[in-house]
C-alpha atoms as a PDB file:
ATOM      1  CA  MET A   1     -12.164 -18.800  19.887  1.00  0.00           C
ATOM      2  CA  THR A   2     -14.381 -15.739  19.779  1.00  0.00           C
ATOM      3  CA  THR A   3     -17.044 -15.478  22.446  1.00  0.00           C
ATOM      4  CA  PRO A   4     -20.550 -14.389  21.441  1.00  0.00           C
ATOM      5  CA  GLY A   5     -19.894 -11.280  23.520  1.00  0.00           C
ATOM      6  CA  VAL A   6     -16.819 -10.289  21.510  1.00  0.00           C
ATOM      7  CA  LEU A   7     -18.626 -10.953  18.245  1.00  0.00           C
ATOM      8  CA  ALA A   8     -21.527  -8.743  19.325  1.00  0.00           C
ATOM      9  CA  PHE A   9     -19.059  -6.127  20.600  1.00  0.00           C
ATOM     10  CA  VAL A  10     -17.273  -5.933  17.259  1.00  0.00           C
ATOM     11  CA  GLU A  11     -20.514  -5.835  15.307  1.00  0.00           C
ATOM     12  CA  GLY A  12     -21.774  -2.863  17.309  1.00  0.00           C
ATOM     13  CA  LEU A  13     -18.500  -0.966  17.565  1.00  0.00           C
ATOM     14  CA  PRO A  14     -18.549   2.381  15.690  1.00  0.00           C
ATOM     15  CA  LYS A  15     -15.781   2.367  13.074  1.00  0.00           C
ATOM     16  CA  ALA A  16     -14.029   4.251  10.309  1.00  0.00           C
ATOM     17  CA  GLU A  17     -12.548   2.620   7.223  1.00  0.00           C
ATOM     18  CA  LEU A  18      -9.555   4.202   5.506  1.00  0.00           C
ATOM     19  CA  HIS A  19      -8.625   1.732   2.776  1.00  0.00           C
ATOM     20  CA  VAL A  20     -11.472   0.450   0.631  1.00  0.00           C
ATOM     21  CA  HIS A  21     -11.704   0.589  -3.160  1.00  0.00           C
ATOM     22  CA  MET A  22     -15.117   1.414  -4.558  1.00  0.00           C
ATOM     23  CA  LEU A  23     -14.804  -1.085  -7.397  1.00  0.00           C
ATOM     24  CA  GLY A  24     -13.288  -3.892  -5.329  1.00  0.00           C
ATOM     25  CA  ALA A  25     -15.935  -3.424  -2.643  1.00  0.00           C
ATOM     26  CA  ALA A  26     -18.756  -4.365  -4.997  1.00  0.00           C
ATOM     27  CA  SER A  27     -20.460  -7.590  -3.946  1.00  0.00           C
ATOM     28  CA  VAL A  28     -20.512 -10.621  -6.217  1.00  0.00           C
ATOM     29  CA  GLU A  29     -24.224  -9.977  -6.736  1.00  0.00           C
ATOM     30  CA  THR A  30     -23.566  -6.388  -7.833  1.00  0.00           C
ATOM     31  CA  VAL A  31     -20.812  -7.439 -10.234  1.00  0.00           C
ATOM     32  CA  LEU A  32     -23.040 -10.177 -11.649  1.00  0.00           C
ATOM     33  CA  GLY A  33     -25.681  -7.556 -12.337  1.00  0.00           C
ATOM     34  CA  LEU A  34     -23.155  -5.468 -14.245  1.00  0.00           C
ATOM     35  CA  SER A  35     -21.856  -8.504 -16.116  1.00  0.00           C
ATOM     36  CA  ARG A  36     -25.378  -9.391 -17.244  1.00  0.00           C
ATOM     37  CA  ARG A  37     -25.983  -5.761 -18.181  1.00  0.00           C
ATOM     38  CA  TYR A  38     -22.885  -5.778 -20.389  1.00  0.00           C
ATOM     39  CA  PRO A  39     -22.553  -9.353 -21.713  1.00  0.00           C
ATOM     40  CA  GLU A  40     -20.293  -8.160 -24.511  1.00  0.00           C
ATOM     41  CA  ILE A  41     -17.493  -7.761 -21.949  1.00  0.00           C
ATOM     42  CA  GLY A  42     -17.386 -11.552 -21.695  1.00  0.00           C
ATOM     43  CA  LEU A  43     -17.219 -12.012 -17.919  1.00  0.00           C
ATOM     44  CA  PRO A  44     -19.021 -14.740 -15.929  1.00  0.00           C
ATOM     45  CA  GLN A  45     -22.810 -14.603 -15.920  1.00  0.00           C
ATOM     46  CA  GLU A  46     -23.446 -17.112 -13.124  1.00  0.00           C
ATOM     47  CA  GLU A  47     -22.664 -16.780  -9.412  1.00  0.00           C
ATOM     48  CA  ALA A  48     -20.530 -19.910  -9.078  1.00  0.00           C
ATOM     49  CA  ALA A  49     -18.433 -18.925 -12.085  1.00  0.00           C
ATOM     50  CA  MET A  50     -17.991 -15.386 -10.749  1.00  0.00           C
ATOM     51  CA  ARG A  51     -16.835 -16.689  -7.376  1.00  0.00           C
ATOM     52  CA  ASP A  52     -14.324 -18.916  -9.164  1.00  0.00           C
ATOM     53  CA  PHE A  53     -13.225 -15.848 -11.134  1.00  0.00           C
ATOM     54  CA  TYR A  54     -12.346 -14.276  -7.776  1.00  0.00           C
ATOM     55  CA  ARG A  55      -9.923 -17.052  -6.802  1.00  0.00           C
ATOM     56  CA  PHE A  56      -6.552 -15.353  -7.164  1.00  0.00           C
ATOM     57  CA  THR A  57      -3.290 -17.159  -7.810  1.00  0.00           C
ATOM     58  CA  ASP A  58      -1.049 -14.187  -7.036  1.00  0.00           C
ATOM     59  CA  PHE A  59      -1.049 -10.382  -7.019  1.00  0.00           C
ATOM     60  CA  ALA A  60      -0.532 -10.111 -10.794  1.00  0.00           C
ATOM     61  CA  HIS A  61      -3.597 -12.282 -11.350  1.00  0.00           C
ATOM     62  CA  PHE A  62      -5.578 -10.094  -8.953  1.00  0.00           C
ATOM     63  CA  ILE A  63      -4.662  -7.025 -11.039  1.00  0.00           C
ATOM     64  CA  GLU A  64      -5.835  -8.818 -14.202  1.00  0.00           C
ATOM     65  CA  VAL A  65      -9.193  -9.640 -12.610  1.00  0.00           C
ATOM     66  CA  TYR A  66      -9.555  -6.126 -11.180  1.00  0.00           C
ATOM     67  CA  ASP A  67      -8.957  -4.605 -14.626  1.00  0.00           C
ATOM     68  CA  ALA A  68     -11.525  -6.961 -16.143  1.00  0.00           C
ATOM     69  CA  ILE A  69     -14.167  -6.002 -13.574  1.00  0.00           C
ATOM     70  CA  ASN A  70     -13.411  -2.345 -14.201  1.00  0.00           C
ATOM     71  CA  ARG A  71     -14.540  -2.786 -17.811  1.00  0.00           C
ATOM     72  CA  LEU A  72     -18.040  -3.446 -16.474  1.00  0.00           C
ATOM     73  CA  VAL A  73     -18.335   0.110 -15.171  1.00  0.00           C
ATOM     74  CA  ARG A  74     -19.471   1.888 -18.332  1.00  0.00           C
ATOM     75  CA  THR A  75     -21.599   4.841 -17.258  1.00  0.00           C
ATOM     76  CA  ALA A  76     -21.926   7.471 -14.565  1.00  0.00           C
ATOM     77  CA  ASP A  77     -25.016   5.650 -13.312  1.00  0.00           C
ATOM     78  CA  ASP A  78     -22.887   2.538 -12.777  1.00  0.00           C
ATOM     79  CA  VAL A  79     -20.493   4.602 -10.632  1.00  0.00           C
ATOM     80  CA  HIS A  80     -23.407   6.021  -8.652  1.00  0.00           C
ATOM     81  CA  GLU A  81     -24.773   2.515  -8.104  1.00  0.00           C
ATOM     82  CA  LEU A  82     -21.405   1.287  -6.823  1.00  0.00           C
ATOM     83  CA  SER A  83     -21.026   4.192  -4.396  1.00  0.00           C
ATOM     84  CA  VAL A  84     -24.517   3.765  -2.962  1.00  0.00           C
ATOM     85  CA  GLY A  85     -24.093   0.008  -2.626  1.00  0.00           C
ATOM     86  CA  LEU A  86     -20.807   0.502  -0.803  1.00  0.00           C
ATOM     87  CA  GLY A  87     -22.366   3.024   1.565  1.00  0.00           C
ATOM     88  CA  HIS A  88     -25.110   0.616   2.582  1.00  0.00           C
ATOM     89  CA  ASP A  89     -22.594  -2.213   3.059  1.00  0.00           C
ATOM     90  CA  LEU A  90     -20.451   0.016   5.273  1.00  0.00           C
ATOM     91  CA  ALA A  91     -23.434   1.042   7.369  1.00  0.00           C
ATOM     92  CA  ALA A  92     -24.290  -2.622   7.945  1.00  0.00           C
ATOM     93  CA  VAL A  93     -20.955  -3.209   9.722  1.00  0.00           C
ATOM     94  CA  GLY A  94     -20.981  -0.101  11.902  1.00  0.00           C
ATOM     95  CA  VAL A  95     -18.894   2.234   9.767  1.00  0.00           C
ATOM     96  CA  ARG A  96     -19.603   5.900  10.370  1.00  0.00           C
ATOM     97  CA  TYR A  97     -16.983   7.396   8.033  1.00  0.00           C
ATOM     98  CA  ALA A  98     -14.989   5.955   5.123  1.00  0.00           C
ATOM     99  CA  GLU A  99     -12.262   7.186   2.823  1.00  0.00           C
ATOM    100  CA  VAL A 100     -13.034   5.435  -0.452  1.00  0.00           C
ATOM    101  CA  THR A 101     -10.458   4.973  -3.188  1.00  0.00           C
ATOM    102  CA  VAL A 102     -11.673   5.713  -6.703  1.00  0.00           C
ATOM    103  CA  THR A 103      -9.453   5.109  -9.725  1.00  0.00           C
ATOM    104  CA  ALA A 104     -10.893   7.999 -11.694  1.00  0.00           C
ATOM    105  CA  ASP A 105      -8.650   7.472 -14.715  1.00  0.00           C
ATOM    106  CA  SER A 106      -9.998   3.960 -15.288  1.00  0.00           C
ATOM    107  CA  HIS A 107     -13.545   5.353 -15.534  1.00  0.00           C
ATOM    108  CA  LEU A 108     -12.427   8.196 -17.783  1.00  0.00           C
ATOM    109  CA  ARG A 109     -10.627   5.772 -20.112  1.00  0.00           C
ATOM    110  CA  VAL A 110     -13.846   3.825 -20.783  1.00  0.00           C
ATOM    111  CA  GLY A 111     -15.531   7.064 -21.847  1.00  0.00           C
ATOM    112  CA  ILE A 112     -17.382   8.382 -18.799  1.00  0.00           C
ATOM    113  CA  PRO A 113     -17.319  12.188 -19.167  1.00  0.00           C
ATOM    114  CA  PRO A 114     -15.242  13.986 -16.502  1.00  0.00           C
ATOM    115  CA  ASP A 115     -18.117  16.079 -15.184  1.00  0.00           C
ATOM    116  CA  ALA A 116     -20.480  13.097 -15.171  1.00  0.00           C
ATOM    117  CA  LEU A 117     -18.014  11.090 -13.074  1.00  0.00           C
ATOM    118  CA  SER A 118     -17.786  13.921 -10.560  1.00  0.00           C
ATOM    119  CA  ASP A 119     -21.566  14.283 -10.437  1.00  0.00           C
ATOM    120  CA  ALA A 120     -22.049  10.532  -9.912  1.00  0.00           C
ATOM    121  CA  LEU A 121     -19.701  10.560  -6.926  1.00  0.00           C
ATOM    122  CA  ALA A 122     -21.318  13.679  -5.481  1.00  0.00           C
ATOM    123  CA  ARG A 123     -24.807  12.169  -5.824  1.00  0.00           C
ATOM    124  CA  GLY A 124     -23.668   8.888  -4.354  1.00  0.00           C
ATOM    125  CA  ARG A 125     -22.092  10.581  -1.369  1.00  0.00           C
ATOM    126  CA  ALA A 126     -25.210  12.659  -0.712  1.00  0.00           C
ATOM    127  CA  ASP A 127     -27.541   9.675  -1.125  1.00  0.00           C
ATOM    128  CA  VAL A 128     -25.472   7.524   1.247  1.00  0.00           C
ATOM    129  CA  LEU A 129     -25.361  10.222   3.900  1.00  0.00           C
ATOM    130  CA  SER A 130     -29.113  10.793   3.653  1.00  0.00           C
ATOM    131  CA  ALA A 131     -30.034   7.099   3.722  1.00  0.00           C
ATOM    132  CA  THR A 132     -27.504   5.700   6.211  1.00  0.00           C
ATOM    133  CA  GLY A 133     -25.681   8.530   7.977  1.00  0.00           C
ATOM    134  CA  VAL A 134     -22.351   7.194   6.665  1.00  0.00           C
ATOM    135  CA  GLU A 135     -20.027   9.964   5.520  1.00  0.00           C
ATOM    136  CA  LEU A 136     -17.951   9.086   2.451  1.00  0.00           C
ATOM    137  CA  ALA A 137     -14.761  10.855   1.441  1.00  0.00           C
ATOM    138  CA  TRP A 138     -12.849  10.300  -1.782  1.00  0.00           C
ATOM    139  CA  VAL A 139      -9.245   9.302  -2.470  1.00  0.00           C
ATOM    140  CA  PHE A 140      -8.238   9.356  -6.144  1.00  0.00           C
ATOM    141  CA  ASP A 141      -5.493   6.908  -6.938  1.00  0.00           C
ATOM    142  CA  ILE A 142      -3.240   6.578  -9.937  1.00  0.00           C
ATOM    143  CA  ASP A 143      -3.225   3.225 -11.674  1.00  0.00           C
ATOM    144  CA  GLY A 144       0.525   2.652 -11.462  1.00  0.00           C
ATOM    145  CA  ASP A 145       0.434   0.093 -14.278  1.00  0.00           C
ATOM    146  CA  HIS A 146      -0.574   2.923 -16.628  1.00  0.00           C
ATOM    147  CA  GLY A 147       2.356   5.064 -15.548  1.00  0.00           C
ATOM    148  CA  ILE A 148       2.952   8.780 -15.375  1.00  0.00           C
ATOM    149  CA  ALA A 149       0.316   9.480 -18.029  1.00  0.00           C
ATOM    150  CA  SER A 150      -2.355   8.022 -15.741  1.00  0.00           C
ATOM    151  CA  GLY A 151      -1.062  10.240 -12.953  1.00  0.00           C
ATOM    152  CA  GLU A 152      -1.284  13.353 -15.088  1.00  0.00           C
ATOM    153  CA  ARG A 153      -4.834  12.526 -16.186  1.00  0.00           C
ATOM    154  CA  THR A 154      -5.895  11.775 -12.625  1.00  0.00           C
ATOM    155  CA  LEU A 155      -4.457  15.019 -11.312  1.00  0.00           C
ATOM    156  CA  ALA A 156      -5.934  17.086 -14.152  1.00  0.00           C
ATOM    157  CA  TRP A 157      -9.373  15.608 -13.456  1.00  0.00           C
ATOM    158  CA  ALA A 158      -9.033  16.229  -9.715  1.00  0.00           C
ATOM    159  CA  GLN A 159      -7.969  19.833 -10.295  1.00  0.00           C
ATOM    160  CA  GLN A 160     -11.046  20.580 -12.397  1.00  0.00           C
ATOM    161  CA  HIS A 161     -13.721  18.136 -11.286  1.00  0.00           C
ATOM    162  CA  ALA A 162     -13.060  16.758  -7.780  1.00  0.00           C
ATOM    163  CA  PRO A 163     -16.425  16.597  -5.981  1.00  0.00           C
ATOM    164  CA  LYS A 164     -17.138  17.646  -2.422  1.00  0.00           C
ATOM    165  CA  GLY A 165     -15.525  15.289   0.059  1.00  0.00           C
ATOM    166  CA  SER A 166     -12.333  14.783  -1.967  1.00  0.00           C
ATOM    167  CA  ILE A 167      -9.476  14.416   0.505  1.00  0.00           C
ATOM    168  CA  GLY A 168      -6.682  12.215  -0.828  1.00  0.00           C
ATOM    169  CA  PHE A 169      -4.379  11.245  -3.674  1.00  0.00           C
ATOM    170  CA  GLY A 170      -3.069   7.706  -3.970  1.00  0.00           C
ATOM    171  CA  LEU A 171      -1.091   5.280  -6.086  1.00  0.00           C
ATOM    172  CA  GLY A 172      -2.173   1.673  -6.579  1.00  0.00           C
ATOM    173  CA  GLY A 173      -1.631  -1.241  -8.908  1.00  0.00           C
ATOM    174  CA  SER A 174       1.652  -3.092  -9.228  1.00  0.00           C
ATOM    175  CA  GLU A 175       4.692  -2.100  -7.198  1.00  0.00           C
ATOM    176  CA  ALA A 176       7.300  -4.182  -9.035  1.00  0.00           C
ATOM    177  CA  GLY A 177       8.672  -2.059 -11.859  1.00  0.00           C
ATOM    178  CA  VAL A 178       6.640   0.984 -10.769  1.00  0.00           C
ATOM    179  CA  PRO A 179       8.983   3.076  -8.588  1.00  0.00           C
ATOM    180  CA  ARG A 180       7.100   5.417  -6.286  1.00  0.00           C
ATOM    181  CA  SER A 181       9.780   8.071  -6.746  1.00  0.00           C
ATOM    182  CA  ALA A 182       8.767   8.483 -10.400  1.00  0.00           C
ATOM    183  CA  PHE A 183       5.499  10.077  -9.277  1.00  0.00           C
ATOM    184  CA  ALA A 184       7.094  12.677  -6.988  1.00  0.00           C
ATOM    185  CA  ASP A 185       6.164  15.739  -9.047  1.00  0.00           C
ATOM    186  CA  ILE A 186       2.565  14.622  -9.527  1.00  0.00           C
ATOM    187  CA  PHE A 187       2.152  14.052  -5.788  1.00  0.00           C
ATOM    188  CA  ARG A 188       3.737  17.425  -5.050  1.00  0.00           C
ATOM    189  CA  ARG A 189       1.140  19.122  -7.232  1.00  0.00           C
ATOM    190  CA  ALA A 190      -1.670  17.055  -5.715  1.00  0.00           C
ATOM    191  CA  ARG A 191      -0.623  18.176  -2.234  1.00  0.00           C
ATOM    192  CA  GLU A 192      -0.569  21.780  -3.459  1.00  0.00           C
ATOM    193  CA  ILE A 193      -4.286  21.563  -4.298  1.00  0.00           C
ATOM    194  CA  GLY A 194      -5.037  20.208  -0.824  1.00  0.00           C
ATOM    195  CA  LEU A 195      -5.109  16.430  -1.365  1.00  0.00           C
ATOM    196  CA  HIS A 196      -3.408  14.258   1.245  1.00  0.00           C
ATOM    197  CA  SER A 197      -0.742  11.790   0.105  1.00  0.00           C
ATOM    198  CA  VAL A 198      -1.810   8.169   0.698  1.00  0.00           C
ATOM    199  CA  PRO A 199       0.066   5.845  -1.693  1.00  0.00           C
ATOM    200  CA  HIS A 200       0.073   2.061  -1.590  1.00  0.00           C
ATOM    201  CA  ALA A 201       3.561   0.740  -0.803  1.00  0.00           C
ATOM    202  CA  GLY A 202       5.248  -2.248   0.763  1.00  0.00           C
ATOM    203  CA  GLU A 203       2.415  -4.625  -0.057  1.00  0.00           C
ATOM    204  CA  THR A 204       4.086  -7.050  -2.472  1.00  0.00           C
ATOM    205  CA  VAL A 205       7.707  -5.844  -2.534  1.00  0.00           C
ATOM    206  CA  GLY A 206      10.236  -4.869   0.106  1.00  0.00           C
ATOM    207  CA  PRO A 207      10.669  -1.791   2.303  1.00  0.00           C
ATOM    208  CA  GLU A 208      12.208   0.333  -0.466  1.00  0.00           C
ATOM    209  CA  GLN A 209       8.831   1.428  -1.839  1.00  0.00           C
ATOM    210  CA  VAL A 210       7.723   2.541   1.625  1.00  0.00           C
ATOM    211  CA  TRP A 211      10.900   4.583   1.980  1.00  0.00           C
ATOM    212  CA  ALA A 212      10.299   6.111  -1.461  1.00  0.00           C
ATOM    213  CA  SER A 213       6.730   6.990  -0.535  1.00  0.00           C
ATOM    214  CA  LEU A 214       7.894   8.756   2.603  1.00  0.00           C
ATOM    215  CA  ASP A 215      10.846  10.557   1.038  1.00  0.00           C
ATOM    216  CA  HIS A 216       9.511  11.363  -2.447  1.00  0.00           C
ATOM    217  CA  LEU A 217       5.715  11.393  -2.199  1.00  0.00           C
ATOM    218  CA  GLY A 218       5.325  13.038   1.202  1.00  0.00           C
ATOM    219  CA  ALA A 219       3.177  10.127   2.355  1.00  0.00           C
ATOM    220  CA  GLU A 220       0.937  10.969   5.305  1.00  0.00           C
ATOM    221  CA  ARG A 221      -0.421   7.412   5.493  1.00  0.00           C
ATOM    222  CA  ILE A 222       0.688   4.276   3.699  1.00  0.00           C
ATOM    223  CA  GLY A 223      -1.647   1.779   2.063  1.00  0.00           C
ATOM    224  CA  HIS A 224      -0.608  -1.663   3.360  1.00  0.00           C
ATOM    225  CA  GLY A 225       3.048  -0.954   4.249  1.00  0.00           C
ATOM    226  CA  ILE A 226       3.548  -4.400   5.776  1.00  0.00           C
ATOM    227  CA  ALA A 227       7.058  -4.755   4.318  1.00  0.00           C
ATOM    228  CA  ALA A 228       8.160  -2.128   6.838  1.00  0.00           C
ATOM    229  CA  ALA A 229       8.348  -4.979   9.346  1.00  0.00           C
ATOM    230  CA  GLN A 230      11.494  -6.123   7.511  1.00  0.00           C
ATOM    231  CA  ASP A 231      13.352  -2.895   8.311  1.00  0.00           C
ATOM    232  CA  LEU A 232      13.815  -1.726  11.895  1.00  0.00           C
ATOM    233  CA  ARG A 233      14.964   1.735  10.832  1.00  0.00           C
ATOM    234  CA  LEU A 234      11.890   2.123   8.618  1.00  0.00           C
ATOM    235  CA  MET A 235       9.565   1.213  11.474  1.00  0.00           C
ATOM    236  CA  GLU A 236      11.369   3.810  13.591  1.00  0.00           C
ATOM    237  CA  ALA A 237      10.900   6.370  10.795  1.00  0.00           C
ATOM    238  CA  LEU A 238       7.179   5.627  10.607  1.00  0.00           C
ATOM    239  CA  VAL A 239       6.915   6.218  14.339  1.00  0.00           C
ATOM    240  CA  GLU A 240       9.037   9.388  14.215  1.00  0.00           C
ATOM    241  CA  ARG A 241       7.068  10.840  11.300  1.00  0.00           C
ATOM    242  CA  ASP A 242       3.731   9.736  12.794  1.00  0.00           C
ATOM    243  CA  VAL A 243       2.681   7.898   9.628  1.00  0.00           C
ATOM    244  CA  ALA A 244      -0.054   5.299  10.050  1.00  0.00           C
ATOM    245  CA  LEU A 245      -0.412   2.144   7.974  1.00  0.00           C
ATOM    246  CA  GLU A 246      -3.658   0.980   6.396  1.00  0.00           C
ATOM    247  CA  VAL A 247      -3.365  -2.748   7.074  1.00  0.00           C
ATOM    248  CA  CYS A 248      -5.624  -5.189   5.181  1.00  0.00           C
ATOM    249  CA  PRO A 249      -5.020  -8.729   6.503  1.00  0.00           C
ATOM    250  CA  THR A 250      -7.478 -10.772   4.428  1.00  0.00           C
ATOM    251  CA  SER A 251      -6.464  -8.926   1.287  1.00  0.00           C
ATOM    252  CA  ASN A 252      -2.809  -9.745   1.857  1.00  0.00           C
ATOM    253  CA  VAL A 253      -3.570 -13.449   2.162  1.00  0.00           C
ATOM    254  CA  SER A 254      -6.007 -13.457  -0.769  1.00  0.00           C
ATOM    255  CA  THR A 255      -3.449 -11.934  -3.155  1.00  0.00           C
ATOM    256  CA  LYS A 256      -0.664 -14.152  -1.770  1.00  0.00           C
ATOM    257  CA  ALA A 257       1.266 -11.132  -0.505  1.00  0.00           C
ATOM    258  CA  VAL A 258       1.271 -13.038   2.811  1.00  0.00           C
ATOM    259  CA  ARG A 259       1.104 -16.832   3.076  1.00  0.00           C
ATOM    260  CA  THR A 260      -1.250 -17.046   6.065  1.00  0.00           C
ATOM    261  CA  LEU A 261      -2.785 -14.717   8.627  1.00  0.00           C
ATOM    262  CA  GLU A 262      -0.426 -16.202  11.206  1.00  0.00           C
ATOM    263  CA  ASP A 263       2.500 -14.994   9.062  1.00  0.00           C
ATOM    264  CA  HIS A 264       1.169 -11.436   8.900  1.00  0.00           C
ATOM    265  CA  ALA A 265       3.408  -8.552   9.977  1.00  0.00           C
ATOM    266  CA  PHE A 266       0.715  -6.877  12.100  1.00  0.00           C
ATOM    267  CA  PRO A 267       2.114  -8.061  15.485  1.00  0.00           C
ATOM    268  CA  VAL A 268       5.692  -7.039  14.574  1.00  0.00           C
ATOM    269  CA  LEU A 269       4.589  -3.598  13.444  1.00  0.00           C
ATOM    270  CA  ARG A 270       2.417  -3.138  16.516  1.00  0.00           C
ATOM    271  CA  GLU A 271       5.215  -4.172  18.856  1.00  0.00           C
ATOM    272  CA  ALA A 272       7.444  -1.550  17.203  1.00  0.00           C
ATOM    273  CA  GLY A 273       4.890   1.155  17.972  1.00  0.00           C
ATOM    274  CA  VAL A 274       3.808   1.811  14.384  1.00  0.00           C
ATOM    275  CA  ARG A 275       0.327   3.302  14.112  1.00  0.00           C
ATOM    276  CA  LEU A 276      -1.984   0.676  12.592  1.00  0.00           C
ATOM    277  CA  THR A 277      -5.482   0.758  11.185  1.00  0.00           C
ATOM    278  CA  VAL A 278      -7.411  -2.289   9.965  1.00  0.00           C
ATOM    279  CA  ASN A 279      -9.267  -2.220   6.664  1.00  0.00           C
ATOM    280  CA  THR A 280     -10.816  -4.412   3.957  1.00  0.00           C
ATOM    281  CA  ASP A 281      -9.228  -3.149   0.703  1.00  0.00           C
ATOM    282  CA  ASP A 282     -11.523  -4.999  -1.759  1.00  0.00           C
ATOM    283  CA  PRO A 283     -14.127  -6.722   0.412  1.00  0.00           C
ATOM    284  CA  GLY A 284     -16.343  -7.873  -2.452  1.00  0.00           C
ATOM    285  CA  MET A 285     -13.447  -9.614  -4.142  1.00  0.00           C
ATOM    286  CA  PHE A 286     -12.003 -11.068  -0.929  1.00  0.00           C
ATOM    287  CA  ALA A 287     -15.286 -12.113   0.724  1.00  0.00           C
ATOM    288  CA  THR A 288     -14.660 -10.077   3.871  1.00  0.00           C
ATOM    289  CA  ASP A 289     -15.993  -7.053   5.726  1.00  0.00           C
ATOM    290  CA  LEU A 290     -14.645  -4.747   8.414  1.00  0.00           C
ATOM    291  CA  ASN A 291     -16.144  -6.782  11.261  1.00  0.00           C
ATOM    292  CA  THR A 292     -14.243  -9.819   9.981  1.00  0.00           C
ATOM    293  CA  GLU A 293     -10.983  -7.871   9.946  1.00  0.00           C
ATOM    294  CA  TYR A 294     -11.529  -6.725  13.541  1.00  0.00           C
ATOM    295  CA  LEU A 295     -12.240 -10.305  14.573  1.00  0.00           C
ATOM    296  CA  ILE A 296      -8.958 -11.348  12.927  1.00  0.00           C
ATOM    297  CA  ALA A 297      -7.219  -8.730  15.070  1.00  0.00           C
ATOM    298  CA  HIS A 298      -8.775 -10.439  18.092  1.00  0.00           C
ATOM    299  CA  GLU A 299      -8.493 -14.100  17.130  1.00  0.00           C
ATOM    300  CA  VAL A 300      -5.172 -14.129  15.280  1.00  0.00           C
ATOM    301  CA  PHE A 301      -3.286 -11.075  16.535  1.00  0.00           C
ATOM    302  CA  GLY A 302      -4.476 -11.377  20.130  1.00  0.00           C
ATOM    303  CA  LEU A 303      -6.092  -7.986  20.759  1.00  0.00           C
ATOM    304  CA  ASP A 304      -8.559  -7.850  23.644  1.00  0.00           C
ATOM    305  CA  VAL A 305     -11.741  -5.776  23.578  1.00  0.00           C
ATOM    306  CA  ASN A 306     -10.012  -2.696  25.000  1.00  0.00           C
ATOM    307  CA  GLU A 307      -7.344  -2.924  22.315  1.00  0.00           C
ATOM    308  CA  ILE A 308     -10.010  -3.455  19.673  1.00  0.00           C
ATOM    309  CA  SER A 309     -11.624  -0.214  20.826  1.00  0.00           C
ATOM    310  CA  ASP A 310      -8.237   1.491  20.540  1.00  0.00           C
ATOM    311  CA  LEU A 311      -7.902   0.117  17.004  1.00  0.00           C
ATOM    312  CA  ALA A 312     -11.220   1.726  16.101  1.00  0.00           C
ATOM    313  CA  ARG A 313     -10.069   5.012  17.659  1.00  0.00           C
ATOM    314  CA  GLU A 314      -6.826   4.881  15.669  1.00  0.00           C
ATOM    315  CA  SER A 315      -8.699   4.669  12.382  1.00  0.00           C
ATOM    316  CA  VAL A 316     -10.634   7.800  13.302  1.00  0.00           C
ATOM    317  CA  ARG A 317      -7.535   9.661  14.447  1.00  0.00           C
ATOM    318  CA  ALA A 318      -5.586   8.654  11.330  1.00  0.00           C
ATOM    319  CA  SER A 319      -8.403   9.808   9.049  1.00  0.00           C
ATOM    320  CA  PHE A 320      -8.678  13.132   7.279  1.00  0.00           C
ATOM    321  CA  ALA A 321     -12.249  13.614   8.421  1.00  0.00           C
ATOM    322  CA  PRO A 322     -13.394  17.060   9.558  1.00  0.00           C
ATOM    323  CA  ASP A 323     -12.655  17.755  13.211  1.00  0.00           C
ATOM    324  CA  GLU A 324     -16.325  17.614  14.171  1.00  0.00           C
ATOM    325  CA  THR A 325     -16.752  14.217  12.485  1.00  0.00           C
ATOM    326  CA  ARG A 326     -13.700  12.808  14.247  1.00  0.00           C
ATOM    327  CA  ALA A 327     -14.825  14.156  17.621  1.00  0.00           C
ATOM    328  CA  ARG A 328     -18.323  12.726  17.172  1.00  0.00           C
ATOM    329  CA  ILE A 329     -17.160   9.226  16.235  1.00  0.00           C
ATOM    330  CA  LEU A 330     -14.505   9.137  18.969  1.00  0.00           C
ATOM    331  CA  ALA A 331     -17.181  10.077  21.498  1.00  0.00           C
ATOM    332  CA  GLU A 332     -19.377   7.266  20.168  1.00  0.00           C
ATOM    333  CA  ILE A 333     -16.545   4.769  20.529  1.00  0.00           C
ATOM    334  CA  ASP A 334     -15.783   5.923  24.073  1.00  0.00           C
ATOM    335  CA  ALA A 335     -19.414   5.641  25.104  1.00  0.00           C
ATOM    336  CA  TYR A 336     -19.783   2.238  23.471  1.00  0.00           C
ATOM    337  CA  ALA A 337     -16.579   0.886  25.047  1.00  0.00           C
ATOM    338  CA  GLU A 338     -17.653   2.085  28.484  1.00  0.00           C
ATOM    339  CA  GLN A 339     -21.047   0.477  28.066  1.00  0.00           C
ATOM    340  CA  HIS A 340     -19.406  -2.858  27.179  1.00  0.00           C
ATOM    341  CA  ARG A 341     -16.312  -2.706  29.359  1.00  0.00           C
ATOM    342  CA  ASN A 342     -17.126  -6.024  31.046  1.00  0.00           C
ATOM    343  CA  THR A 343     -17.324  -8.001  27.804  1.00  0.00           C
ATOM    344  CA  PRO A 344     -15.282 -11.224  28.312  1.00  0.00           C
ATOM    345  CA  ASP A 345     -12.469 -11.762  25.804  1.00  0.00           C
ATOM    346  CA  ARG A 346     -12.383 -15.541  25.966  1.00  0.00           C
ATOM    347  CA  VAL A 347     -14.528 -18.473  26.989  1.00  0.00           C
END
């Protein structure tokens, strides 16, 4: 049971988020607005129906729904609206800095011009910073279900049009049948232009995709990575190579990657010394936010308030934020934790 003090502590704790998708973060209300704007797409027009649409049977079904929602993003103004909405939602839960995943190729495929997409992200980032103080950074992921061609298009766009704040290159979508090693050359070229390697791996399949991400993609962080808990040597490699995982508990349960929160690999990974960060993934689709994920770390995984503060610090340290941004947020966390060091963990 969470005490009111712990709840208030988590709500006020300065945070960074490292694994959140711009499209999947959109609230049900925002998606409804898009669906009503583009009725020809044929998605639900009423709130109850949209919430039912977000009830996932498995990961493959989640991908189908995600692709359907993506068809609602038709213009650069839609992208700008999503980025600004996300920024305000992040500010409301104490986030100071976020690395936001954008599947650029999906927006390009529906006809948004390359330069207009870049401008929409740049405007959104500037508007969010001005209005909320939240600093957004961009990670551009390949839609693995669209294969190498999607990777080439994503990289070509990033080379020519990546806006200010672009820091990472990822790989999402299905893992089964989409070997991470196939994207090795694309990731090599992305790293050559200064983008950090942050692929998804080990979310819905076994440890082999995490190994492939480390050995072939030069992964500096891993999205999800929970299957590493099945392989002691892999957990040791993550520790040795100082690679953090972007863990998303509610997401894993929502997509049926994990049966229940109590079955989650977080405690095993933590006990092995793997660096862990807690994130939301697609909070609009999974009806969560970052405060909820931190409370899960407390209520389900047993972290006390000092360890929750350390979890917030780890997200900042594992980020690719500028040094001054990291130093500022870490100082905020330290000051906040000291101010609340007598918060009781339990009733």
